[in-house]
Protein backbone atom coordinates (compact mmCIF):
# COMPACT_ATOMS: atom_id res chain seq x y z
CA UNK A 1 0.00 0.00 0.00
CA UNK A 2 2.83 2.37 0.93
CA UNK A 3 4.53 1.73 -2.42
CA UNK A 4 1.24 2.26 -4.25
CA UNK A 5 0.76 5.57 -2.44
CA UNK A 6 4.27 6.68 -3.33
CA UNK A 7 3.68 5.79 -6.99
CA UNK A 8 0.45 7.75 -7.08
CA UNK A 9 2.11 10.73 -5.39
CA UNK A 10 4.99 10.58 -7.86
CA UNK A 11 2.58 10.41 -10.80
CA UNK A 12 0.63 13.44 -9.53
CA UNK A 13 3.83 15.38 -8.93
CA UNK A 14 5.04 14.57 -12.45
CA UNK A 15 1.77 15.78 -13.97
CA UNK A 16 1.90 18.97 -11.94
CA UNK A 17 5.46 19.66 -13.01
CA UNK A 18 4.52 19.05 -16.64
CA UNK A 19 1.63 21.50 -16.37
CA UNK A 20 3.87 24.12 -14.73
CA UNK A 21 6.44 23.73 -17.52
CA UNK A 22 3.75 24.10 -20.19
CA UNK A 23 2.31 27.15 -18.43
CA UNK A 24 5.77 28.69 -18.14
CA UNK A 25 6.00 28.85 -21.92
CA UNK A 26 2.58 30.45 -22.39
CA UNK A 27 2.56 34.17 -23.23
CA UNK A 28 1.51 36.55 -20.47
CA UNK A 29 -1.17 39.17 -21.10
CA UNK A 30 1.55 41.82 -21.44
CA UNK A 31 3.46 39.70 -23.96
CA UNK A 32 0.32 39.08 -26.01
CA UNK A 33 -0.49 42.78 -26.00
CA UNK A 34 2.97 43.71 -27.26
CA UNK A 35 2.84 41.03 -29.96
CA UNK A 36 -0.60 42.25 -31.09
CA UNK A 37 0.61 45.85 -31.18
CA UNK A 38 3.61 44.94 -33.32
CA UNK A 39 1.48 42.78 -35.61
CA UNK A 40 -1.01 45.60 -36.14
CA UNK A 41 1.75 48.06 -36.99
CA UNK A 42 3.57 45.76 -39.40
CA UNK A 43 0.56 44.28 -41.15
CA UNK A 44 -1.15 47.65 -41.66
CA UNK A 45 2.00 48.81 -43.45
CA UNK A 46 3.10 45.52 -45.00
CA UNK A 47 2.30 46.33 -48.62
CA UNK A 48 4.30 49.56 -48.48
CA UNK A 49 7.49 47.55 -47.81
CA UNK A 50 9.90 46.24 -50.43
CA UNK A 51 9.24 42.74 -51.77
CA UNK A 52 12.15 41.36 -49.74
CA UNK A 53 10.83 42.74 -46.45
CA UNK A 54 7.27 41.65 -47.24
CA UNK A 55 8.67 38.17 -47.85
CA UNK A 56 10.70 38.24 -44.65
CA UNK A 57 7.63 39.05 -42.54
CA UNK A 58 5.09 36.84 -44.31
CA UNK A 59 7.40 33.82 -44.40
CA UNK A 60 8.04 33.96 -40.67
CA UNK A 61 4.43 34.53 -39.78
CA UNK A 62 3.35 31.60 -41.94
CA UNK A 63 5.87 29.40 -40.13
CA UNK A 64 4.45 30.59 -36.80
CA UNK A 65 0.77 30.26 -37.68
CA UNK A 66 0.26 28.26 -40.90
CA UNK A 67 -2.31 30.89 -41.95
CA UNK A 68 -2.87 31.16 -45.71
CA UNK A 69 -3.32 34.92 -45.53
CA UNK A 70 0.48 35.17 -45.49
CA UNK A 71 0.89 33.38 -48.83
CA UNK A 72 0.14 36.32 -51.16
CA UNK A 73 3.42 38.20 -50.51
CA UNK A 74 5.34 34.95 -50.90
CA UNK A 75 3.69 34.15 -54.22
CA UNK A 76 4.40 37.67 -55.48
CA UNK A 77 8.00 37.35 -54.34
CA UNK A 78 8.42 33.99 -56.05
CA UNK A 79 7.12 35.29 -59.36
CA UNK A 80 9.43 38.31 -59.21
CA UNK A 81 12.42 36.17 -58.29
CA UNK A 82 11.67 33.74 -61.12
CA UNK A 83 12.43 36.50 -63.62
CA UNK A 84 15.58 37.58 -61.78
CA UNK A 85 16.87 34.02 -61.54
CA UNK A 86 16.08 33.30 -65.18
CA UNK A 87 18.16 36.31 -66.29
CA UNK A 88 20.97 35.27 -63.94
CA UNK A 89 20.99 31.77 -65.42
CA UNK A 90 21.02 33.07 -69.00
CA UNK A 91 23.90 35.50 -68.36
CA UNK A 92 25.88 33.55 -65.77
CA UNK A 93 29.01 33.43 -67.97
CA UNK A 94 28.84 37.11 -68.97
CA UNK A 95 31.48 38.94 -66.90
CA UNK A 96 29.95 42.32 -67.70
CA UNK A 97 26.50 41.22 -66.52
CA UNK A 98 27.92 39.76 -63.31
CA UNK A 99 29.85 42.99 -62.64
CA UNK A 100 26.79 45.18 -63.22
CA UNK A 101 24.62 42.93 -61.06
CA UNK A 102 27.22 42.98 -58.29
CA UNK A 103 27.42 46.78 -58.39
CA UNK A 104 23.64 46.98 -58.09
CA UNK A 105 23.53 44.51 -55.21
CA UNK A 106 26.18 46.41 -53.28
CA UNK A 107 24.56 49.78 -53.90
CA UNK A 108 22.88 51.47 -50.98
CA UNK A 109 19.38 51.11 -52.45
CA UNK A 110 19.73 47.62 -53.92
CA UNK A 111 16.93 45.19 -53.13
CA UNK A 112 18.72 42.11 -51.92
CA UNK A 113 18.46 39.15 -49.57
CA UNK A 114 22.16 39.35 -48.67
CA UNK A 115 21.35 41.12 -45.38
CA UNK A 116 23.73 43.99 -45.98
CA UNK A 117 21.84 46.43 -43.77
CA UNK A 118 23.07 50.00 -43.50
CA UNK A 119 26.66 49.14 -42.70
CA UNK A 120 29.29 49.84 -45.33
CA UNK A 121 31.65 47.32 -43.73
CA UNK A 122 29.81 44.34 -45.22
CA UNK A 123 29.68 45.98 -48.65
CA UNK A 124 33.40 46.80 -48.53
CA UNK A 125 34.12 43.20 -47.55
CA UNK A 126 32.15 41.81 -50.49
CA UNK A 127 33.77 44.22 -52.94
CA UNK A 128 37.12 42.69 -52.07
CA UNK A 129 35.79 39.35 -53.35
CA UNK A 130 35.11 40.60 -56.89
CA UNK A 131 31.70 39.57 -58.24
CA UNK A 132 31.12 36.93 -55.55
CA UNK A 133 28.04 38.85 -54.36
CA UNK A 134 26.33 37.77 -57.59
CA UNK A 135 26.84 34.09 -56.75
CA UNK A 136 25.80 34.60 -53.12
CA UNK A 137 22.63 36.41 -54.10
CA UNK A 138 21.65 33.55 -56.41
CA UNK A 139 22.44 31.10 -53.57
CA UNK A 140 20.20 33.05 -51.21
CA UNK A 141 17.23 33.41 -53.56
CA UNK A 142 17.54 29.87 -54.88
CA UNK A 143 17.31 28.45 -51.38
CA UNK A 144 14.17 30.48 -50.68
CA UNK A 145 12.63 29.10 -53.87
CA UNK A 146 13.65 25.59 -52.79
CA UNK A 147 12.04 26.05 -49.39
CA UNK A 148 8.77 26.99 -51.14
CA UNK A 149 8.77 23.70 -53.08
CA UNK A 150 9.25 25.43 -56.43
CA UNK A 151 12.49 24.04 -57.87
CA UNK A 152 11.65 21.99 -60.95
CA UNK A 153 8.18 23.53 -61.37
CA UNK A 154 7.23 25.90 -64.22
CA UNK A 155 9.27 29.14 -63.99
CA UNK A 156 11.91 27.33 -61.92
CA UNK A 157 13.35 24.75 -64.32
CA UNK A 158 16.96 26.03 -64.68
CA UNK A 159 18.25 24.09 -61.68
CA UNK A 160 21.53 22.99 -63.28
CA UNK A 161 22.38 26.50 -64.44
CA UNK A 162 21.69 27.90 -60.97
CA UNK A 163 23.69 25.17 -59.30
CA UNK A 164 26.57 26.00 -61.63
CA UNK A 165 26.50 29.53 -60.22
CA UNK A 166 26.31 28.52 -56.55
CA UNK A 167 29.12 25.99 -56.96
CA UNK A 168 31.42 29.02 -57.29
CA UNK A 169 34.60 27.72 -55.58
CA UNK A 170 35.17 31.07 -53.88
CA UNK A 171 32.15 30.47 -51.62
CA UNK A 172 33.93 27.50 -50.02
CA UNK A 173 36.77 29.83 -48.94
CA UNK A 174 34.50 32.77 -48.17
CA UNK A 175 32.38 31.15 -45.46
CA UNK A 176 35.42 30.14 -43.35
CA UNK A 177 37.54 33.25 -43.94
CA UNK A 178 38.39 34.86 -40.57
CA UNK A 179 37.55 38.39 -41.73
CA UNK A 180 34.24 37.22 -43.19
CA UNK A 181 33.31 35.48 -39.93
CA UNK A 182 34.05 38.62 -37.91
CA UNK A 183 32.18 41.02 -40.20
CA UNK A 184 29.54 38.80 -41.81
CA UNK A 185 29.46 35.68 -39.66
CA UNK A 186 25.70 35.45 -39.30
CA UNK A 187 25.19 35.38 -43.04
CA UNK A 188 28.14 33.01 -43.54
CA UNK A 189 26.41 30.52 -41.22
CA UNK A 190 23.28 30.89 -43.31
CA UNK A 191 25.19 30.27 -46.55
CA UNK A 192 26.65 27.06 -45.09
CA UNK A 193 23.16 25.64 -44.59
CA UNK A 194 21.97 26.89 -47.98
CA UNK A 195 24.81 24.98 -49.63
CA UNK A 196 23.92 21.90 -47.60
CA UNK A 197 20.22 22.03 -48.44
CA UNK A 198 20.88 22.50 -52.15
CA UNK A 199 23.15 19.44 -52.12
CA UNK A 200 26.25 21.43 -53.06
CA UNK A 201 28.55 20.95 -50.05
CA UNK A 202 28.52 20.20 -46.33
CA UNK A 203 30.82 22.68 -44.59
CA UNK A 204 29.15 22.67 -41.17
CA UNK A 205 32.06 21.14 -39.28
CA UNK A 206 34.62 23.36 -41.01
CA UNK A 207 32.56 26.49 -40.40
CA UNK A 208 31.94 25.73 -36.73
CA UNK A 209 35.68 25.12 -36.21
CA UNK A 210 36.51 28.44 -37.90
CA UNK A 211 33.88 30.30 -35.87
CA UNK A 212 35.09 28.80 -32.59
CA UNK A 213 38.68 29.77 -33.43
CA UNK A 214 37.61 33.39 -33.86
CA UNK A 215 35.57 33.34 -30.64
CA UNK A 216 38.54 31.90 -28.76
CA UNK A 217 40.94 34.44 -30.32
CA UNK A 218 43.29 31.66 -31.38
CA UNK A 219 44.75 33.44 -34.42
CA UNK A 220 48.02 35.25 -33.61
CA UNK A 221 47.41 38.98 -33.48
CA UNK A 222 43.65 38.72 -33.82
CA UNK A 223 41.60 41.48 -32.23
CA UNK A 224 38.70 40.69 -29.87
CA UNK A 225 35.55 39.57 -31.68
CA UNK A 226 32.87 42.29 -31.45
CA UNK A 227 30.47 40.97 -28.80
CA UNK A 228 27.21 41.75 -30.61
CA UNK A 229 28.45 40.34 -33.92
CA UNK A 230 29.70 37.21 -32.13
CA UNK A 231 26.33 36.57 -30.50
CA UNK A 232 24.58 37.36 -33.78
CA UNK A 233 26.73 34.76 -35.56
CA UNK A 234 25.90 32.16 -32.91
CA UNK A 235 22.17 32.80 -33.19
CA UNK A 236 22.28 32.38 -36.95
CA UNK A 237 24.09 29.08 -36.66
CA UNK A 238 21.11 27.74 -34.70
CA UNK A 239 18.45 29.54 -36.76
CA UNK A 240 19.94 28.29 -40.02
CA UNK A 241 19.96 24.74 -38.63
CA UNK A 242 16.21 25.14 -38.00
CA UNK A 243 15.86 26.21 -41.65
CA UNK A 244 14.65 29.50 -40.18
CA UNK A 245 11.82 28.37 -37.95
CA UNK A 246 10.73 25.32 -39.95
CA UNK A 247 11.91 22.60 -37.58
CA UNK A 248 13.19 22.28 -33.99
CA UNK A 249 16.86 21.95 -33.15
CA UNK A 250 18.71 19.74 -30.69
CA UNK A 251 20.28 21.56 -27.79
CA UNK A 252 22.85 18.78 -27.57
CA UNK A 253 24.08 19.53 -31.09
CA UNK A 254 24.69 23.16 -30.15
CA UNK A 255 25.46 22.75 -26.44
CA UNK A 256 28.47 25.06 -26.65
CA UNK A 257 26.30 27.80 -28.19
CA UNK A 258 23.64 27.56 -25.47
CA UNK A 259 26.34 27.50 -22.80
CA UNK A 260 27.72 30.71 -24.30
CA UNK A 261 24.28 32.35 -24.25
CA UNK A 262 23.66 31.39 -20.63
CA UNK A 263 27.12 32.46 -19.50
CA UNK A 264 26.75 35.86 -21.19
CA UNK A 265 23.03 36.45 -20.68
CA UNK A 266 23.46 39.60 -18.58
CA UNK A 267 25.80 41.11 -21.19
CA UNK A 268 23.42 40.13 -24.01
CA UNK A 269 20.55 41.90 -22.24
CA UNK A 270 22.62 44.99 -21.45
CA UNK A 271 24.83 45.41 -24.48
CA UNK A 272 23.15 44.06 -27.63
CA UNK A 273 20.24 45.15 -29.80
CA UNK A 274 16.58 44.06 -29.57
CA UNK A 275 16.89 41.90 -32.69
CA UNK A 276 19.82 39.98 -31.19
CA UNK A 277 18.00 39.62 -27.85
CA UNK A 278 14.97 38.22 -29.69
CA UNK A 279 17.10 35.82 -31.74
CA UNK A 280 18.77 34.43 -28.62
CA UNK A 281 15.30 33.76 -27.22
CA UNK A 282 14.21 32.13 -30.46
CA UNK A 283 17.21 29.81 -30.30
CA UNK A 284 16.03 28.60 -26.89
CA UNK A 285 12.46 28.28 -28.18
CA UNK A 286 13.62 26.13 -31.10
CA UNK A 287 15.26 23.78 -28.58
CA UNK A 288 11.96 23.45 -26.70
CA UNK A 289 12.98 25.83 -23.90
CA UNK A 290 10.58 28.72 -24.44
CA UNK A 291 9.58 28.44 -20.78
CA UNK A 292 13.13 28.71 -19.43
CA UNK A 293 14.24 31.45 -17.00
CA UNK A 294 16.62 32.79 -19.65
CA UNK A 295 13.79 33.26 -22.13
CA UNK A 296 11.68 34.92 -19.45
CA UNK A 297 14.38 37.56 -18.99
CA UNK A 298 14.81 38.03 -22.73
CA UNK A 299 11.05 38.50 -23.20
CA UNK A 300 10.85 40.92 -20.28
CA UNK A 301 13.53 43.06 -21.89
CA UNK A 302 11.65 43.14 -25.20
CA UNK A 303 8.35 44.00 -23.52
CA UNK A 304 10.07 46.84 -21.64
CA UNK A 305 11.54 48.15 -24.92
CA UNK A 306 8.12 48.28 -26.63
CA UNK A 307 6.64 51.76 -27.13
CA UNK A 308 2.82 51.56 -27.29
CA UNK A 309 2.53 55.04 -28.82
CA UNK A 310 4.67 53.79 -31.73
CA UNK A 311 3.25 50.27 -31.88
CA UNK A 312 6.79 48.90 -32.11
CA UNK A 313 10.18 48.47 -30.49
CA UNK A 314 12.42 51.32 -31.63
CA UNK A 315 16.08 50.92 -32.53
CA UNK A 316 18.73 51.45 -29.86
CA UNK A 317 19.30 54.98 -31.20
CA UNK A 318 15.59 55.74 -30.79
CA UNK A 319 14.74 55.69 -34.51
CA UNK A 320 11.37 54.14 -35.27
CA UNK A 321 10.82 54.06 -39.03
CA UNK A 322 8.51 51.12 -39.63
CA UNK A 323 10.08 49.37 -42.63
CA UNK A 324 13.67 49.36 -41.26
CA UNK A 325 12.23 48.20 -37.94
CA UNK A 326 10.45 45.16 -39.38
CA UNK A 327 13.34 42.81 -38.63
CA UNK A 328 13.68 43.50 -34.91
CA UNK A 329 9.93 43.71 -34.39
CA UNK A 330 8.84 40.54 -36.18
CA UNK A 331 11.51 38.61 -34.24
CA UNK A 332 10.15 39.96 -30.96
CA UNK A 333 6.60 39.19 -32.06
CA UNK A 334 7.56 35.59 -32.86
CA UNK A 335 9.22 35.00 -29.51
CA UNK A 336 6.33 36.52 -27.57
CA UNK A 337 3.74 34.27 -29.26
CA UNK A 338 5.87 31.17 -29.87
CA UNK A 339 3.53 28.40 -31.12
CA UNK A 340 3.17 24.81 -29.99
CA UNK A 341 4.19 23.62 -33.46
CA UNK A 342 5.95 25.09 -36.48
CA UNK A 343 4.63 25.14 -40.04
CA UNK A 344 7.38 24.37 -42.56
CA UNK A 345 7.50 25.78 -46.07
CA UNK A 346 5.13 26.91 -47.34
CA UNK A 347 5.07 24.33 -50.11
CA UNK A 348 3.39 26.74 -52.51
CA UNK A 349 2.34 24.22 -55.23
CA UNK A 350 0.17 22.43 -52.66
CA UNK A 351 -2.04 25.50 -52.14
CA UNK A 352 -5.02 26.28 -54.38
CA UNK A 353 -4.31 30.00 -54.16
CA UNK A 354 -0.88 29.49 -55.76
CA UNK A 355 -2.24 27.28 -58.53
CA UNK A 356 -4.97 29.83 -59.30
CA UNK A 357 -2.69 32.87 -59.26
CA UNK A 358 0.18 31.33 -61.19
CA UNK A 359 0.09 32.58 -64.79
CA UNK A 360 0.83 30.24 -67.71
CA UNK A 361 4.49 29.28 -67.85
CA UNK A 362 6.58 31.12 -70.47
């Protein structure tokens, strides 16, 4: 009888602990309110944004919610990119075309998915690699098309030509170059997974080793790694492994990354930007730890940074233009309303709305 009683007590305690853990990951009223405020601001302005930023928001919100209302910007993006990629395939061996395309991509107003931001440091870095930005841009857009289930479908039939571009041997050196990792490490991590998912090359082990060398300062004469850029690179290693919010990740695989986050949590909260704070939280959420004490602190910081009169989290310098603020705000929104399950894709050909809107193939 005593053993039976102990078993029942243990079972009840286990259930209670499970319910507490589940509740710990549920958004508070304040977190829901902030997420709703951000969503209202971004979605009421969504169709004034560039196609790339519309895609960035709609793609992430689809993966959070699975709601078909987010498909329209993705379909429009795919159709636009089909024309760009077709021209790139046709002129891939034309040095003049590649040079002009590179100049446009590295221009201040270029529409690109290379995540160049406002900084000139990333542009200067890429200029030193000749026309490599052309190949990287194709790699980036081609992987987005792949994630939408479109490679091999009408408008997206030049797979071999595109793969010829992204097999550019310079990319293999670029993603593990010490200077690249220090200036552009987050995007380099992303490129590593793009190459993997397109079946071109698996450089994960080599990239991680190069990144850890820079973090440890093992190169003779190397300067300290900028703290924010280092954390940003670590977050993108995990986010890229999740195929950007399409699948969970294993904490064990990235134990050293999570240990780094936990060790430096106070500095992350005090010294980095809201987008980096949100991405650290999203890394924990992807490992099934959205209810952890670390995430609670990260969410509290984002809620405190929210300005209800603006309907958004402003930049660290106080600027609050809506389109440039989409990145930091959608990341915060995602963390604050993290779902019970993720919605991969979208696999556009499986949706009636895509089949109906797709014009006849050229």
